[in-house]
Amino acid sequence: MHGRIARYEVTGDVHEIAREAEEGMLPIFRAQPGFKAYSLAASEGEVFSFSAWESAEAAEAASAAAADWIAQV
């Protein structure tokens, strides 16, 4: 199993941003091969994304999918 951790600096209500990220990213990640788990944590000005994958390749593909989603929002 492989993990992916991402840290995002944000402005505004971090809890609202985390909710939007979960609503946007979770369906995308679930559709990716090798997906195992996803979680978010928010603190002052930061959102952290944690995901688990079957392989390093699946985790790398998730990074590309996340980047695509972030570029659209």
Protein backbone atom coordinates (compact mmCIF):
# COMPACT_ATOMS: atom_id res chain seq x y z
CA MET A 1 0.00 0.00 0.00
CA HIS A 2 1.14 3.54 -0.79
CA GLY A 3 0.09 6.85 0.65
CA ARG A 4 -0.29 10.29 -0.82
CA ILE A 5 -0.21 13.41 1.35
CA ALA A 6 -0.88 16.86 -0.05
CA ARG A 7 -0.80 20.22 1.71
CA TYR A 8 -2.67 23.22 0.34
CA GLU A 9 -2.44 26.79 1.59
CA VAL A 10 -5.89 28.37 1.45
CA THR A 11 -7.65 31.61 2.27
CA GLY A 12 -11.18 31.81 3.57
CA ASP A 13 -13.11 29.33 5.68
CA VAL A 14 -10.85 26.26 5.80
CA HIS A 15 -13.71 23.99 6.86
CA GLU A 16 -15.82 25.05 3.87
CA ILE A 17 -12.85 24.62 1.55
CA ALA A 18 -12.17 21.16 3.03
CA ARG A 19 -15.83 20.20 2.48
CA GLU A 20 -15.65 21.36 -1.14
CA ALA A 21 -12.40 19.44 -1.64
CA GLU A 22 -13.91 16.27 -0.22
CA GLU A 23 -17.02 16.62 -2.37
CA GLY A 24 -14.90 17.24 -5.46
CA MET A 25 -11.93 14.91 -4.93
CA LEU A 26 -13.48 11.88 -3.26
CA PRO A 27 -15.60 10.85 -6.28
CA ILE A 28 -12.59 11.36 -8.57
CA PHE A 29 -10.33 9.28 -6.33
CA ARG A 30 -12.96 6.53 -5.93
CA ALA A 31 -13.07 6.22 -9.73
CA GLN A 32 -9.29 5.72 -9.92
CA PRO A 33 -7.87 2.18 -9.99
CA GLY A 34 -6.16 1.20 -6.75
CA PHE A 35 -8.05 3.61 -4.46
CA LYS A 36 -8.26 2.52 -0.81
CA ALA A 37 -9.03 5.50 1.47
CA TYR A 38 -9.25 9.29 1.66
CA SER A 39 -9.29 11.79 4.51
CA LEU A 40 -8.90 15.52 5.03
CA ALA A 41 -7.70 17.69 7.87
CA ALA A 42 -8.00 21.47 8.09
CA SER A 43 -6.11 23.97 10.19
CA GLU A 44 -5.65 27.72 10.05
CA GLY A 45 -4.93 28.53 6.40
CA GLU A 46 -4.13 24.92 5.41
CA VAL A 47 -5.91 21.82 4.18
CA PHE A 48 -4.20 18.43 4.23
CA SER A 49 -5.32 15.54 2.04
CA PHE A 50 -4.40 11.95 2.89
CA SER A 51 -5.11 9.05 0.54
CA ALA A 52 -4.13 5.39 0.36
CA TRP A 53 -3.50 3.44 -2.84
CA GLU A 54 -2.67 -0.14 -3.85
CA SER A 55 0.50 0.87 -5.69
CA ALA A 56 2.91 3.72 -6.26
CA GLU A 57 1.58 4.02 -9.80
CA ALA A 58 -1.97 4.47 -8.53
CA ALA A 59 -0.82 7.14 -6.06
CA GLU A 60 1.02 8.98 -8.86
CA ALA A 61 -2.07 8.86 -11.07
CA ALA A 62 -4.08 10.32 -8.19
CA SER A 63 -1.68 13.26 -8.03
CA ALA A 64 -2.40 14.01 -11.69
CA ALA A 65 -6.17 13.68 -11.11
CA ALA A 66 -5.95 16.01 -8.09
CA ALA A 67 -3.97 18.58 -10.07
CA ASP A 68 -6.59 18.51 -12.84
CA TRP A 69 -9.41 19.09 -10.33
CA ILE A 70 -7.57 21.90 -8.56
CA ALA A 71 -6.86 23.63 -11.87
CA GLN A 72 -10.62 23.65 -12.59
CA VAL A 73 -11.75 25.16 -9.26
